[in-house]
Structures are given as C-alpha cells and as structure tokens.
C-alpha cells in the first residue's frame, strides 16, 4: 500500500525518548538496526518513505506503556491521518 503522506520521524523519536529508550535499545526490541532507527528519526527519504506498518506497530508496542496520555492521543491521531481515516 502506497501513501502520499509519510510518518513523522520526529514524532517517533519523541515517543522513543519519552519511553526512555536509546536508539540501540529500541532497535533491539523492534528488530531493526540502530542505523535504521536513526534514519527513521532523521527522516532520511529512502528510509522514512518506505517505513512499513509493521515497524510503526512494533515501535508503538515497545513505547506505548511509558507514553503519556497526550502522546498516546497524538500518536493515534497521526496514525489515523496517515491512513486517511477521519473520526466523526
């Protein structure tokens, strides 16, 4: 599935930091390299444009328990927007 929008690397970085993980710790939990985490967070076009739903889902699963209510709501909104869903 191709999306015109990209997911925010800055938002994913904020989520990781709020959860208290280093790039290396998150990479181990998500199953990607630390370099890939860095590329996603810095929105390297060749990485951020190809980020898969599976990676976003794993990132969220690792970080969500330590995220604030505001961050959880913001992330949910970003995911809904990314997939083009509207809440009525």
Protein backbone atom coordinates (compact mmCIF):
# COMPACT_ATOMS: atom_id res chain seq x y z
CA UNK A 1 0.00 0.00 0.00
CA UNK A 2 1.46 3.35 -1.01
CA UNK A 3 0.81 6.51 0.96
CA UNK A 4 1.23 10.09 -0.17
CA UNK A 5 1.96 11.06 3.42
CA UNK A 6 4.97 9.95 5.37
CA UNK A 7 5.07 9.11 9.01
CA UNK A 8 6.80 11.65 11.24
CA UNK A 9 10.28 10.59 12.26
CA UNK A 10 10.29 13.43 14.78
CA UNK A 11 7.16 12.02 16.43
CA UNK A 12 8.66 8.53 16.56
CA UNK A 13 11.84 9.98 18.09
CA UNK A 14 9.82 11.85 20.70
CA UNK A 15 7.91 8.67 21.53
CA UNK A 16 11.18 6.70 21.93
CA UNK A 17 12.71 9.37 24.15
CA UNK A 18 9.58 9.70 26.30
CA UNK A 19 9.64 5.92 26.79
CA UNK A 20 13.25 6.20 27.95
CA UNK A 21 14.88 4.06 25.28
CA UNK A 22 18.14 4.70 23.48
CA UNK A 23 18.18 4.12 19.73
CA UNK A 24 20.08 0.87 20.34
CA UNK A 25 17.59 -0.40 22.94
CA UNK A 26 14.63 0.37 20.72
CA UNK A 27 16.31 -1.18 17.69
CA UNK A 28 16.84 -4.44 19.59
CA UNK A 29 13.20 -4.52 20.70
CA UNK A 30 11.80 -3.65 17.27
CA UNK A 31 14.17 -5.91 15.34
CA UNK A 32 15.92 -3.31 13.20
CA UNK A 33 19.37 -1.76 13.28
CA UNK A 34 20.27 1.33 15.29
CA UNK A 35 21.19 2.95 11.99
CA UNK A 36 17.66 2.34 10.72
CA UNK A 37 16.19 3.90 13.87
CA UNK A 38 18.41 6.94 13.31
CA UNK A 39 17.45 7.17 9.63
CA UNK A 40 13.73 6.99 10.52
CA UNK A 41 14.04 9.63 13.24
CA UNK A 42 16.02 11.93 10.95
CA UNK A 43 13.51 11.33 8.13
CA UNK A 44 16.05 10.11 5.60
CA UNK A 45 13.90 9.97 2.43
CA UNK A 46 14.97 6.48 1.37
CA UNK A 47 14.04 5.14 4.81
CA UNK A 48 11.07 7.21 6.00
CA UNK A 49 9.27 6.90 2.66
CA UNK A 50 9.48 3.11 2.90
CA UNK A 51 8.72 2.65 6.58
CA UNK A 52 6.28 -0.21 6.95
CA UNK A 53 3.22 -0.54 9.12
CA UNK A 54 4.91 -3.43 10.89
CA UNK A 55 7.80 -1.20 12.06
CA UNK A 56 5.45 1.56 13.23
CA UNK A 57 3.33 -1.03 15.06
CA UNK A 58 6.34 -2.59 16.80
CA UNK A 59 7.73 0.86 17.70
CA UNK A 60 4.39 1.75 19.27
CA UNK A 61 4.10 -1.58 21.09
CA UNK A 62 7.51 -1.12 22.69
CA UNK A 63 6.97 2.51 23.74
CA UNK A 64 3.26 2.92 24.47
CA UNK A 65 3.22 1.76 28.09
CA UNK A 66 5.62 4.53 29.10
CA UNK A 67 3.98 7.21 26.93
CA UNK A 68 1.81 9.93 28.40
CA UNK A 69 -1.89 10.17 27.62
CA UNK A 70 -1.19 13.21 25.43
CA UNK A 71 1.46 11.31 23.45
CA UNK A 72 -0.83 8.29 23.02
CA UNK A 73 -3.61 10.55 21.70
CA UNK A 74 -1.23 12.40 19.38
CA UNK A 75 0.20 9.14 18.04
CA UNK A 76 -3.27 7.70 17.47
CA UNK A 77 -4.25 10.85 15.58
CA UNK A 78 -1.09 10.64 13.43
CA UNK A 79 -1.80 7.00 12.56
CA UNK A 80 -5.40 7.81 11.66
CA UNK A 81 -4.22 10.68 9.45
CA UNK A 82 -1.50 8.55 7.85
CA UNK A 83 -4.09 6.01 6.73
CA UNK A 84 -6.63 8.65 5.74
CA UNK A 85 -9.19 7.81 8.43
CA UNK A 86 -11.38 10.56 9.86
CA UNK A 87 -13.12 10.49 13.22
CA UNK A 88 -16.63 11.86 13.11
